[in-house]
Amino acid sequence: MECQKVKNTTLCNCSYGGCSRMGVCCDCLHYHRRQGQLPACYFPADAEKTYDRSVEHFIEVYQKRKHL
C-alpha cells in the first residue's frame, strides 16, 4: 500500500509543528508505540495540545468525558 501523505496530513490533528512524521501514519504509530504512547489522532484536540500522549492520559481524558 502506498502512503497517502498529503491526504493523511489533512486528517492529522498533531499540533507539534516540527513533527517529521506528520502524514506518515505508519512512522507515527511505530514512533509512539516505542515511546509507550498513543499518537495525536487518538486524542480530542484540547487534550492533544498538552503533548501528553501517555496511555494514562488517554484513559483519564476519556473517563472524564464519559461522565459529562
Protein backbone atom coordinates (compact mmCIF):
# COMPACT_ATOMS: atom_id res chain seq x y z
CA MET A 1 0.00 0.00 0.00
CA GLU A 2 1.34 3.40 -0.95
CA CYS A 3 1.44 6.16 1.67
CA GLN A 4 -1.02 8.98 1.02
CA LYS A 5 0.92 11.61 2.94
CA VAL A 6 -0.96 14.63 1.54
CA LYS A 7 -4.36 13.13 2.37
CA ASN A 8 -3.14 11.91 5.76
CA THR A 9 -1.77 15.35 6.63
CA THR A 10 -5.17 16.95 6.11
CA LEU A 11 -6.66 14.46 8.60
CA CYS A 12 -3.84 14.64 11.16
CA ASN A 13 -4.59 16.61 14.33
CA CYS A 14 -1.00 16.67 15.61
CA SER A 15 -0.22 20.21 16.74
CA TYR A 16 3.55 19.67 17.02
CA GLY A 17 4.76 21.83 14.14
CA GLY A 18 8.19 20.25 13.80
CA CYS A 19 6.95 16.67 13.51
CA SER A 20 8.79 14.85 10.73
CA ARG A 21 6.23 12.02 10.82
CA MET A 22 3.14 14.15 10.12
CA GLY A 23 1.11 12.46 7.42
CA VAL A 24 3.17 9.28 7.56
CA CYS A 25 0.89 7.34 9.87
CA CYS A 26 2.91 4.11 9.93
CA ASP A 27 6.03 6.01 11.10
CA CYS A 28 3.97 7.95 13.66
CA LEU A 29 2.40 4.80 15.09
CA HIS A 30 5.73 3.00 15.34
CA TYR A 31 7.41 6.01 16.96
CA HIS A 32 4.75 6.49 19.62
CA ARG A 33 4.45 2.77 20.30
CA ARG A 34 8.20 2.60 21.00
CA GLN A 35 7.72 5.53 23.42
CA GLY A 36 4.82 3.78 25.20
CA GLN A 37 2.45 6.43 23.89
CA LEU A 38 -0.52 6.88 21.58
CA PRO A 39 -0.42 9.20 18.55
CA ALA A 40 -2.23 12.55 18.47
CA CYS A 41 -5.13 11.19 16.44
CA TYR A 42 -6.34 9.21 19.47
CA PHE A 43 -6.90 12.39 21.47
CA PRO A 44 -9.50 15.16 21.23
CA ALA A 45 -7.96 18.46 20.10
CA ASP A 46 -7.80 20.08 23.56
CA ALA A 47 -6.13 17.04 25.14
CA GLU A 48 -3.73 16.62 22.21
CA LYS A 49 -2.39 20.16 22.68
CA THR A 50 -0.92 19.14 26.07
CA TYR A 51 1.54 16.85 24.24
CA ASP A 52 0.90 14.23 26.93
CA ARG A 53 0.48 11.19 24.71
CA SER A 54 0.64 8.65 27.52
CA VAL A 55 -1.85 5.81 27.74
CA GLU A 56 -2.69 7.00 31.25
CA HIS A 57 -3.61 10.47 29.95
CA PHE A 58 -5.75 8.90 27.22
CA ILE A 59 -7.67 6.85 29.80
CA GLU A 60 -8.06 9.86 32.09
CA VAL A 61 -9.40 12.06 29.28
CA TYR A 62 -11.99 9.53 28.16
CA GLN A 63 -13.07 8.57 31.66
CA LYS A 64 -13.76 12.24 32.45
CA ARG A 65 -15.65 12.77 29.20
CA LYS A 66 -17.71 9.66 29.72
CA HIS A 67 -19.18 11.21 32.86
CA LEU A 68 -20.15 14.51 31.18
